[in-house]
Amino acid sequence: MRSLTFSASILMAQYAAYHRDRRNIATHLVGIPLIFLSIALFLVHPLAGELTWAWAVWLLTSLWYLTRGQWVLGLATALVNGLLVALAHALAQQAPAWGLAPWLLALGLFVVGWAFQFVGHYWEGRKPAFVDDVVGLLVGPMFVVGEVLMLAGLLGPLKLQIEAEVGPTR
């Protein structure tokens, strides 16, 4: 857990070491947002006034992402996660019209998200990063956002650092 205080570049390199197979990364682009969405959906309950547990957790995690030393990556991760929390609130309102309790929809999304994760790690031939360090559960959303930003040609120095430390994707 001491890795909780590490910089984004260190955390991304550590996480990337478990994710060098492009198929695994692709499954994470689907699985991690589904898992984050499902957790937010589980947490769509009032905390104080209009504030829900989902927004409170988003705020805490966003502060963590923004303090990892990669401002663009932290802001992009907070934004994407905020969109997922907003979607969770919308789904919580819509689920009863579909004949589903919000928690049941959340459970289904959670299971599907993890299924994607485990298929990816089967292809990778390596266990998930969180098995060795639970902070990997926080790094996952940042990694996915980082991968998309790197594909868009952003975060070049971070990509070079990661590849220098753990090698290119294959």
N, C-alpha and C. Protein backbone atom coordinates (compact mmCIF):
# COMPACT_ATOMS: atom_id res chain seq x y z
N MET A 1 0.81 -1.20 0.00
CA MET A 1 0.00 0.00 0.00
C MET A 1 0.85 1.26 0.00
N ARG A 2 2.14 1.15 0.22
CA ARG A 2 2.95 2.37 0.21
C ARG A 2 2.93 3.00 -1.17
N SER A 3 2.56 2.23 -2.19
CA SER A 3 2.49 2.77 -3.54
C SER A 3 1.37 3.79 -3.70
N LEU A 4 0.51 3.91 -2.71
CA LEU A 4 -0.58 4.89 -2.74
C LEU A 4 -0.04 6.30 -2.92
N THR A 5 1.19 6.55 -2.47
CA THR A 5 1.78 7.88 -2.56
C THR A 5 2.69 8.07 -3.77
N PHE A 6 2.86 7.06 -4.60
CA PHE A 6 3.75 7.15 -5.75
C PHE A 6 3.20 8.10 -6.81
N SER A 7 4.09 8.57 -7.67
CA SER A 7 3.70 9.43 -8.79
C SER A 7 3.01 8.60 -9.87
N ALA A 8 2.29 9.31 -10.74
CA ALA A 8 1.59 8.64 -11.84
C ALA A 8 2.55 7.86 -12.72
N SER A 9 3.74 8.41 -12.97
CA SER A 9 4.67 7.72 -13.86
C SER A 9 5.13 6.39 -13.26
N ILE A 10 5.38 6.37 -11.98
CA ILE A 10 5.77 5.11 -11.32
C ILE A 10 4.59 4.13 -11.32
N LEU A 11 3.42 4.62 -10.94
CA LEU A 11 2.23 3.76 -10.89
C LEU A 11 1.87 3.21 -12.26
N MET A 12 1.96 4.06 -13.27
CA MET A 12 1.62 3.61 -14.62
C MET A 12 2.62 2.55 -15.11
N ALA A 13 3.89 2.73 -14.82
CA ALA A 13 4.89 1.74 -15.23
C ALA A 13 4.66 0.42 -14.50
N GLN A 14 4.39 0.48 -13.20
CA GLN A 14 4.13 -0.74 -12.43
C GLN A 14 2.91 -1.47 -12.99
N TYR A 15 1.87 -0.73 -13.26
CA TYR A 15 0.64 -1.32 -13.78
C TYR A 15 0.85 -1.86 -15.20
N ALA A 16 1.57 -1.09 -16.01
CA ALA A 16 1.82 -1.49 -17.39
C ALA A 16 2.61 -2.80 -17.47
N ALA A 17 3.42 -3.07 -16.48
CA ALA A 17 4.19 -4.32 -16.48
C ALA A 17 3.28 -5.54 -16.53
N TYR A 18 2.05 -5.40 -16.06
CA TYR A 18 1.07 -6.48 -16.07
C TYR A 18 0.19 -6.44 -17.32
N HIS A 19 0.43 -5.44 -18.17
CA HIS A 19 -0.46 -5.20 -19.30
C HIS A 19 0.35 -4.82 -20.54
N ARG A 20 1.03 -5.78 -21.15
CA ARG A 20 1.80 -5.51 -22.36
C ARG A 20 1.14 -6.10 -23.60
N ASP A 21 0.21 -7.01 -23.43
CA ASP A 21 -0.50 -7.61 -24.55
C ASP A 21 -1.64 -6.68 -24.98
N ARG A 22 -1.66 -6.31 -26.25
CA ARG A 22 -2.68 -5.36 -26.74
C ARG A 22 -4.10 -5.87 -26.53
N ARG A 23 -4.27 -7.18 -26.60
CA ARG A 23 -5.61 -7.74 -26.38
C ARG A 23 -6.04 -7.52 -24.94
N ASN A 24 -5.12 -7.66 -24.01
CA ASN A 24 -5.42 -7.41 -22.60
C ASN A 24 -5.77 -5.94 -22.39
N ILE A 25 -5.01 -5.06 -23.00
CA ILE A 25 -5.30 -3.63 -22.88
C ILE A 25 -6.69 -3.34 -23.46
N ALA A 26 -7.02 -3.95 -24.59
CA ALA A 26 -8.33 -3.74 -25.20
C ALA A 26 -9.46 -4.21 -24.27
N THR A 27 -9.27 -5.34 -23.61
CA THR A 27 -10.32 -5.80 -22.69
C THR A 27 -10.46 -4.84 -21.51
N HIS A 28 -9.35 -4.22 -21.12
CA HIS A 28 -9.39 -3.27 -20.01
C HIS A 28 -10.12 -1.99 -20.42
N LEU A 29 -10.05 -1.62 -21.70
CA LEU A 29 -10.76 -0.44 -22.17
C LEU A 29 -12.27 -0.61 -22.05
N VAL A 30 -12.73 -1.83 -21.99
CA VAL A 30 -14.15 -2.12 -21.78
C VAL A 30 -14.41 -2.46 -20.31
N GLY A 31 -13.62 -3.38 -19.78
CA GLY A 31 -13.87 -3.90 -18.43
C GLY A 31 -13.75 -2.88 -17.32
N ILE A 32 -12.70 -2.07 -17.34
CA ILE A 32 -12.51 -1.12 -16.24
C ILE A 32 -13.61 -0.07 -16.19
N PRO A 33 -14.00 0.55 -17.31
CA PRO A 33 -15.13 1.48 -17.21
C PRO A 33 -16.42 0.80 -16.72
N LEU A 34 -16.66 -0.44 -17.14
CA LEU A 34 -17.86 -1.15 -16.65
C LEU A 34 -17.79 -1.37 -15.14
N ILE A 35 -16.62 -1.74 -14.65
CA ILE A 35 -16.47 -1.95 -13.21
C ILE A 35 -16.64 -0.63 -12.46
N PHE A 36 -16.01 0.43 -12.95
CA PHE A 36 -16.14 1.73 -12.29
C PHE A 36 -17.61 2.17 -12.29
N LEU A 37 -18.27 2.03 -13.45
CA LEU A 37 -19.69 2.38 -13.56
C LEU A 37 -20.53 1.58 -12.57
N SER A 38 -20.25 0.28 -12.47
CA SER A 38 -21.04 -0.56 -11.57
C SER A 38 -20.84 -0.15 -10.11
N ILE A 39 -19.62 0.17 -9.73
CA ILE A 39 -19.37 0.60 -8.35
C ILE A 39 -20.10 1.91 -8.08
N ALA A 40 -20.04 2.83 -9.03
CA ALA A 40 -20.77 4.10 -8.87
C ALA A 40 -22.27 3.83 -8.74
N LEU A 41 -22.78 2.89 -9.53
CA LEU A 41 -24.20 2.55 -9.47
C LEU A 41 -24.57 1.96 -8.11
N PHE A 42 -23.69 1.14 -7.55
CA PHE A 42 -23.91 0.63 -6.20
C PHE A 42 -23.96 1.76 -5.17
N LEU A 43 -23.24 2.85 -5.44
CA LEU A 43 -23.09 3.94 -4.48
C LEU A 43 -24.03 5.13 -4.72
N VAL A 44 -25.00 4.97 -5.61
CA VAL A 44 -25.95 6.06 -5.87
C VAL A 44 -26.99 6.07 -4.75
N HIS A 45 -26.55 6.51 -3.59
CA HIS A 45 -27.42 6.66 -2.41
C HIS A 45 -27.07 7.97 -1.75
N PRO A 46 -28.06 8.68 -1.25
CA PRO A 46 -27.78 9.99 -0.64
C PRO A 46 -26.82 9.90 0.54
N LEU A 47 -25.91 10.84 0.57
CA LEU A 47 -24.98 10.98 1.69
C LEU A 47 -25.40 12.18 2.53
N ALA A 48 -25.57 13.33 1.85
CA ALA A 48 -26.02 14.56 2.51
C ALA A 48 -26.67 15.44 1.45
N GLY A 49 -27.95 15.68 1.58
CA GLY A 49 -28.65 16.49 0.59
C GLY A 49 -28.59 15.84 -0.77
N GLU A 50 -28.08 16.58 -1.76
CA GLU A 50 -27.96 16.08 -3.13
C GLU A 50 -26.70 15.24 -3.35
N LEU A 51 -25.78 15.30 -2.39
CA LEU A 51 -24.52 14.57 -2.52
C LEU A 51 -24.76 13.08 -2.27
N THR A 52 -24.31 12.25 -3.23
CA THR A 52 -24.43 10.80 -3.06
C THR A 52 -23.06 10.22 -2.71
N TRP A 53 -23.08 9.00 -2.26
CA TRP A 53 -21.82 8.30 -1.99
C TRP A 53 -20.98 8.20 -3.26
N ALA A 54 -21.63 8.03 -4.40
CA ALA A 54 -20.91 7.91 -5.67
C ALA A 54 -20.12 9.19 -5.95
N TRP A 55 -20.74 10.35 -5.76
CA TRP A 55 -20.04 11.61 -6.01
C TRP A 55 -18.94 11.85 -4.96
N ALA A 56 -19.18 11.42 -3.74
CA ALA A 56 -18.16 11.58 -2.69
C ALA A 56 -16.92 10.74 -3.01
N VAL A 57 -17.13 9.51 -3.45
CA VAL A 57 -16.00 8.65 -3.83
C VAL A 57 -15.31 9.22 -5.06
N TRP A 58 -16.08 9.72 -6.02
CA TRP A 58 -15.48 10.36 -7.20
C TRP A 58 -14.59 11.53 -6.78
N LEU A 59 -15.07 12.35 -5.87
CA LEU A 59 -14.28 13.50 -5.43
C LEU A 59 -12.97 13.05 -4.79
N LEU A 60 -13.03 12.06 -3.91
CA LEU A 60 -11.81 11.57 -3.25
C LEU A 60 -10.83 10.97 -4.24
N THR A 61 -11.33 10.15 -5.16
CA THR A 61 -10.42 9.54 -6.13
C THR A 61 -9.88 10.58 -7.09
N SER A 62 -10.69 11.56 -7.46
CA SER A 62 -10.22 12.62 -8.35
C SER A 62 -9.10 13.42 -7.71
N LEU A 63 -9.23 13.71 -6.44
CA LEU A 63 -8.15 14.41 -5.74
C LEU A 63 -6.87 13.58 -5.77
N TRP A 64 -7.01 12.29 -5.61
CA TRP A 64 -5.84 11.41 -5.66
C TRP A 64 -5.21 11.44 -7.05
N TYR A 65 -6.03 11.30 -8.11
CA TYR A 65 -5.49 11.33 -9.47
C TYR A 65 -4.80 12.66 -9.77
N LEU A 66 -5.38 13.75 -9.32
CA LEU A 66 -4.83 15.08 -9.59
C LEU A 66 -3.54 15.36 -8.83
N THR A 67 -3.25 14.57 -7.82
CA THR A 67 -2.02 14.79 -7.03
C THR A 67 -0.92 13.79 -7.36
N ARG A 68 -1.04 13.08 -8.47
CA ARG A 68 -0.02 12.09 -8.85
C ARG A 68 1.06 12.69 -9.73
N GLY A 69 1.03 13.97 -10.03
CA GLY A 69 2.12 14.61 -10.75
C GLY A 69 1.98 14.65 -12.26
N GLN A 70 0.93 14.10 -12.79
CA GLN A 70 0.64 14.16 -14.24
C GLN A 70 -0.71 14.86 -14.38
N TRP A 71 -0.67 16.18 -14.46
CA TRP A 71 -1.87 17.00 -14.39
C TRP A 71 -2.87 16.63 -15.49
N VAL A 72 -2.43 16.51 -16.74
CA VAL A 72 -3.34 16.20 -17.85
C VAL A 72 -3.99 14.82 -17.64
N LEU A 73 -3.19 13.86 -17.26
CA LEU A 73 -3.70 12.51 -17.01
C LEU A 73 -4.68 12.51 -15.84
N GLY A 74 -4.34 13.19 -14.77
CA GLY A 74 -5.22 13.25 -13.60
C GLY A 74 -6.55 13.92 -13.92
N LEU A 75 -6.49 15.03 -14.64
CA LEU A 75 -7.71 15.75 -15.00
C LEU A 75 -8.58 14.92 -15.95
N ALA A 76 -7.95 14.30 -16.93
CA ALA A 76 -8.70 13.46 -17.88
C ALA A 76 -9.35 12.28 -17.17
N THR A 77 -8.64 11.67 -16.23
CA THR A 77 -9.19 10.53 -15.49
C THR A 77 -10.37 10.99 -14.63
N ALA A 78 -10.22 12.13 -13.96
CA ALA A 78 -11.31 12.66 -13.14
C ALA A 78 -12.53 12.96 -14.00
N LEU A 79 -12.31 13.52 -15.19
CA LEU A 79 -13.40 13.85 -16.09
C LEU A 79 -14.13 12.59 -16.58
N VAL A 80 -13.37 11.62 -17.04
CA VAL A 80 -13.98 10.37 -17.52
C VAL A 80 -14.75 9.70 -16.38
N ASN A 81 -14.15 9.62 -15.21
CA ASN A 81 -14.83 9.00 -14.07
C ASN A 81 -16.08 9.79 -13.67
N GLY A 82 -16.02 11.11 -13.78
CA GLY A 82 -17.19 11.93 -13.50
C GLY A 82 -18.33 11.64 -14.47
N LEU A 83 -17.99 11.44 -15.73
CA LEU A 83 -19.01 11.07 -16.71
C LEU A 83 -19.64 9.72 -16.38
N LEU A 84 -18.81 8.79 -15.91
CA LEU A 84 -19.33 7.47 -15.52
C LEU A 84 -20.23 7.57 -14.29
N VAL A 85 -19.88 8.44 -13.35
CA VAL A 85 -20.73 8.63 -12.16
C VAL A 85 -22.06 9.25 -12.58
N ALA A 86 -22.02 10.23 -13.47
CA ALA A 86 -23.26 10.84 -13.96
C ALA A 86 -24.12 9.79 -14.67
N LEU A 87 -23.48 8.94 -15.47
CA LEU A 87 -24.21 7.86 -16.14
C LEU A 87 -24.82 6.90 -15.12
N ALA A 88 -24.09 6.60 -14.06
CA ALA A 88 -24.61 5.72 -13.01
C ALA A 88 -25.88 6.30 -12.39
N HIS A 89 -25.89 7.60 -12.15
CA HIS A 89 -27.09 8.23 -11.60
C HIS A 89 -28.26 8.13 -12.58
N ALA A 90 -27.99 8.33 -13.86
CA ALA A 90 -29.04 8.21 -14.87
C ALA A 90 -29.55 6.78 -14.96
N LEU A 91 -28.64 5.82 -14.92
CA LEU A 91 -29.05 4.41 -14.97
C LEU A 91 -29.85 4.01 -13.74
N ALA A 92 -29.50 4.55 -12.59
CA ALA A 92 -30.24 4.25 -11.35
C ALA A 92 -31.69 4.71 -11.47
N GLN A 93 -31.90 5.82 -12.16
CA GLN A 93 -33.27 6.31 -12.36
C GLN A 93 -34.00 5.50 -13.43
N GLN A 94 -33.28 5.04 -14.44
CA GLN A 94 -33.89 4.34 -15.56
C GLN A 94 -34.12 2.85 -15.28
N ALA A 95 -33.29 2.24 -14.46
CA ALA A 95 -33.36 0.78 -14.23
C ALA A 95 -34.75 0.28 -13.86
N PRO A 96 -35.48 0.94 -12.96
CA PRO A 96 -36.82 0.42 -12.63
C PRO A 96 -37.75 0.34 -13.84
N ALA A 97 -37.60 1.26 -14.78
CA ALA A 97 -38.44 1.20 -15.99
C ALA A 97 -38.11 -0.03 -16.82
N TRP A 98 -36.92 -0.57 -16.66
CA TRP A 98 -36.53 -1.79 -17.35
C TRP A 98 -36.85 -3.03 -16.53
N GLY A 99 -37.48 -2.83 -15.39
CA GLY A 99 -37.82 -3.95 -14.51
C GLY A 99 -36.64 -4.44 -13.69
N LEU A 100 -35.64 -3.59 -13.51
CA LEU A 100 -34.45 -3.97 -12.76
C LEU A 100 -34.25 -3.06 -11.55
N ALA A 101 -33.85 -3.65 -10.47
CA ALA A 101 -33.39 -2.85 -9.34
C ALA A 101 -32.01 -2.32 -9.72
N PRO A 102 -31.68 -1.08 -9.36
CA PRO A 102 -30.36 -0.55 -9.69
C PRO A 102 -29.21 -1.43 -9.22
N TRP A 103 -29.35 -2.05 -8.05
CA TRP A 103 -28.26 -2.89 -7.55
C TRP A 103 -28.07 -4.12 -8.43
N LEU A 104 -29.16 -4.62 -9.02
CA LEU A 104 -29.06 -5.79 -9.89
C LEU A 104 -28.35 -5.42 -11.20
N LEU A 105 -28.67 -4.24 -11.74
CA LEU A 105 -27.97 -3.75 -12.92
C LEU A 105 -26.49 -3.55 -12.60
N ALA A 106 -26.21 -2.99 -11.43
CA ALA A 106 -24.82 -2.79 -11.02
C ALA A 106 -24.08 -4.12 -10.92
N LEU A 107 -24.73 -5.11 -10.35
CA LEU A 107 -24.11 -6.43 -10.23
C LEU A 107 -23.82 -7.04 -11.60
N GLY A 108 -24.75 -6.91 -12.52
CA GLY A 108 -24.53 -7.43 -13.87
C GLY A 108 -23.36 -6.75 -14.56
N LEU A 109 -23.30 -5.42 -14.46
CA LEU A 109 -22.18 -4.68 -15.06
C LEU A 109 -20.86 -5.06 -14.42
N PHE A 110 -20.87 -5.27 -13.11
CA PHE A 110 -19.67 -5.65 -12.37
C PHE A 110 -19.15 -7.01 -12.85
N VAL A 111 -20.03 -7.96 -12.98
CA VAL A 111 -19.65 -9.31 -13.43
C VAL A 111 -19.13 -9.28 -14.86
N VAL A 112 -19.81 -8.56 -15.74
CA VAL A 112 -19.36 -8.47 -17.14
C VAL A 112 -18.01 -7.77 -17.22
N GLY A 113 -17.85 -6.69 -16.45
CA GLY A 113 -16.57 -5.97 -16.44
C GLY A 113 -15.42 -6.86 -16.00
N TRP A 114 -15.63 -7.63 -14.94
CA TRP A 114 -14.57 -8.53 -14.48
C TRP A 114 -14.33 -9.68 -15.44
N ALA A 115 -15.37 -10.11 -16.14
CA ALA A 115 -15.18 -11.17 -17.15
C ALA A 115 -14.21 -10.67 -18.23
N PHE A 116 -14.40 -9.43 -18.67
CA PHE A 116 -13.46 -8.85 -19.64
C PHE A 116 -12.05 -8.83 -19.07
N GLN A 117 -11.92 -8.43 -17.80
CA GLN A 117 -10.60 -8.36 -17.18
C GLN A 117 -9.91 -9.72 -17.17
N PHE A 118 -10.64 -10.73 -16.76
CA PHE A 118 -10.03 -12.05 -16.63
C PHE A 118 -9.69 -12.67 -17.99
N VAL A 119 -10.51 -12.42 -19.00
CA VAL A 119 -10.16 -12.87 -20.35
C VAL A 119 -8.86 -12.21 -20.79
N GLY A 120 -8.75 -10.91 -20.56
CA GLY A 120 -7.53 -10.19 -20.93
C GLY A 120 -6.30 -10.73 -20.23
N HIS A 121 -6.44 -11.02 -18.95
CA HIS A 121 -5.28 -11.53 -18.22
C HIS A 121 -4.97 -12.98 -18.58
N TYR A 122 -5.97 -13.71 -19.06
CA TYR A 122 -5.70 -15.03 -19.60
C TYR A 122 -4.79 -14.89 -20.83
N TRP A 123 -5.14 -13.95 -21.72
CA TRP A 123 -4.31 -13.71 -22.91
C TRP A 123 -2.93 -13.21 -22.52
N GLU A 124 -2.89 -12.37 -21.52
CA GLU A 124 -1.61 -11.81 -21.07
C GLU A 124 -0.72 -12.89 -20.47
N GLY A 125 -1.37 -13.88 -19.84
CA GLY A 125 -0.61 -14.91 -19.15
C GLY A 125 -0.04 -14.42 -17.83
N ARG A 126 -0.69 -13.43 -17.26
CA ARG A 126 -0.20 -12.83 -16.02
C ARG A 126 -1.39 -12.42 -15.16
N LYS A 127 -1.22 -12.54 -13.85
CA LYS A 127 -2.30 -12.17 -12.93
C LYS A 127 -2.54 -10.66 -12.97
N PRO A 128 -3.72 -10.22 -12.52
CA PRO A 128 -3.99 -8.78 -12.45
C PRO A 128 -3.06 -8.07 -11.47
N ALA A 129 -2.77 -6.81 -11.74
CA ALA A 129 -1.84 -6.03 -10.92
C ALA A 129 -2.30 -5.90 -9.47
N PHE A 130 -3.61 -5.81 -9.25
CA PHE A 130 -4.10 -5.59 -7.88
C PHE A 130 -3.83 -6.78 -6.96
N VAL A 131 -3.53 -7.94 -7.53
CA VAL A 131 -3.22 -9.10 -6.70
C VAL A 131 -1.95 -8.83 -5.89
N ASP A 132 -0.99 -8.14 -6.49
CA ASP A 132 0.25 -7.81 -5.79
C ASP A 132 0.19 -6.50 -5.03
N ASP A 133 -0.71 -5.59 -5.45
CA ASP A 133 -0.84 -4.30 -4.79
C ASP A 133 -2.25 -3.78 -5.05
N VAL A 134 -3.04 -3.71 -4.00
CA VAL A 134 -4.44 -3.32 -4.11
C VAL A 134 -4.61 -1.91 -4.71
N VAL A 135 -3.57 -1.10 -4.68
CA VAL A 135 -3.62 0.22 -5.29
C VAL A 135 -3.85 0.11 -6.79
N GLY A 136 -3.55 -1.04 -7.36
CA GLY A 136 -3.82 -1.28 -8.77
C GLY A 136 -5.29 -1.06 -9.12
N LEU A 137 -6.18 -1.24 -8.15
CA LEU A 137 -7.60 -0.98 -8.39
C LEU A 137 -7.86 0.50 -8.66
N LEU A 138 -7.07 1.37 -8.06
CA LEU A 138 -7.16 2.81 -8.31
C LEU A 138 -6.43 3.19 -9.60
N VAL A 139 -5.36 2.50 -9.88
CA VAL A 139 -4.54 2.84 -11.05
C VAL A 139 -5.24 2.42 -12.34
N GLY A 140 -6.04 1.37 -12.30
CA GLY A 140 -6.70 0.87 -13.50
C GLY A 140 -7.41 1.94 -14.32
N PRO A 141 -8.31 2.74 -13.72
CA PRO A 141 -8.96 3.79 -14.52
C PRO A 141 -7.97 4.79 -15.10
N MET A 142 -6.94 5.14 -14.35
CA MET A 142 -5.92 6.07 -14.85
C MET A 142 -5.16 5.44 -16.02
N PHE A 143 -4.87 4.15 -15.93
CA PHE A 143 -4.17 3.44 -16.99
C PHE A 143 -5.00 3.46 -18.28
N VAL A 144 -6.29 3.16 -18.17
CA VAL A 144 -7.16 3.12 -19.34
C VAL A 144 -7.22 4.50 -20.00
N VAL A 145 -7.42 5.54 -19.21
CA VAL A 145 -7.45 6.90 -19.75
C VAL A 145 -6.10 7.24 -20.37
N GLY A 146 -5.02 6.86 -19.69
CA GLY A 146 -3.68 7.10 -20.22
C GLY A 146 -3.46 6.40 -21.55
N GLU A 147 -3.91 5.17 -21.67
CA GLU A 147 -3.77 4.44 -22.94
C GLU A 147 -4.49 5.16 -24.08
N VAL A 148 -5.68 5.65 -23.81
CA VAL A 148 -6.43 6.36 -24.84
C VAL A 148 -5.71 7.66 -25.21
N LEU A 149 -5.23 8.38 -24.20
CA LEU A 149 -4.51 9.62 -24.48
C LEU A 149 -3.22 9.35 -25.27
N MET A 150 -2.53 8.27 -24.93
CA MET A 150 -1.31 7.92 -25.66
C MET A 150 -1.63 7.54 -27.11
N LEU A 151 -2.73 6.83 -27.32
CA LEU A 151 -3.15 6.49 -28.69
C LEU A 151 -3.48 7.74 -29.49
N ALA A 152 -3.92 8.79 -28.78
CA ALA A 152 -4.24 10.07 -29.44
C ALA A 152 -3.00 10.93 -29.64
N GLY A 153 -1.85 10.41 -29.25
CA GLY A 153 -0.60 11.14 -29.45
C GLY A 153 -0.22 12.05 -28.30
N LEU A 154 -0.93 11.96 -27.19
CA LEU A 154 -0.62 12.76 -26.01
C LEU A 154 0.21 11.93 -25.03
N LEU A 155 0.77 12.57 -24.05
CA LEU A 155 1.56 11.92 -22.99
C LEU A 155 2.78 11.18 -23.55
N GLY A 156 3.37 11.71 -24.61
CA GLY A 156 4.53 11.07 -25.23
C GLY A 156 5.66 10.75 -24.28
N PRO A 157 6.09 11.70 -23.43
CA PRO A 157 7.17 11.40 -22.50
C PRO A 157 6.82 10.27 -21.52
N LEU A 158 5.57 10.24 -21.07
CA LEU A 158 5.15 9.17 -20.16
C LEU A 158 5.18 7.83 -20.88
N LYS A 159 4.71 7.80 -22.11
CA LYS A 159 4.73 6.55 -22.89
C LYS A 159 6.16 6.06 -23.08
N LEU A 160 7.06 6.96 -23.42
CA LEU A 160 8.46 6.57 -23.59
C LEU A 160 9.06 6.04 -22.29
N GLN A 161 8.73 6.67 -21.17
CA GLN A 161 9.24 6.20 -19.88
C GLN A 161 8.71 4.81 -19.55
N ILE A 162 7.42 4.60 -19.77
CA ILE A 162 6.82 3.29 -19.50
C ILE A 162 7.48 2.23 -20.36
N GLU A 163 7.62 2.50 -21.65
CA GLU A 163 8.21 1.51 -22.56
C GLU A 163 9.69 1.27 -22.24
N ALA A 164 10.40 2.28 -21.77
CA ALA A 164 11.79 2.08 -21.37
C ALA A 164 11.89 1.17 -20.16
N GLU A 165 10.91 1.24 -19.28
CA GLU A 165 10.95 0.45 -18.04
C GLU A 165 10.40 -0.96 -18.21
N VAL A 166 9.31 -1.10 -18.98
CA VAL A 166 8.66 -2.41 -19.05
C VAL A 166 8.52 -2.96 -20.46
N GLY A 167 9.01 -2.23 -21.46
CA GLY A 167 8.96 -2.71 -22.83
C GLY A 167 7.70 -2.26 -23.55
N PRO A 168 7.72 -2.40 -24.88
CA PRO A 168 6.56 -1.99 -25.67
C PRO A 168 5.42 -3.02 -25.55
N THR A 169 4.23 -2.59 -26.00
CA THR A 169 3.13 -3.55 -26.06
C THR A 169 3.40 -4.51 -27.20
N ARG A 170 2.77 -5.65 -27.14
CA ARG A 170 2.96 -6.66 -28.18
C ARG A 170 1.62 -7.16 -28.68
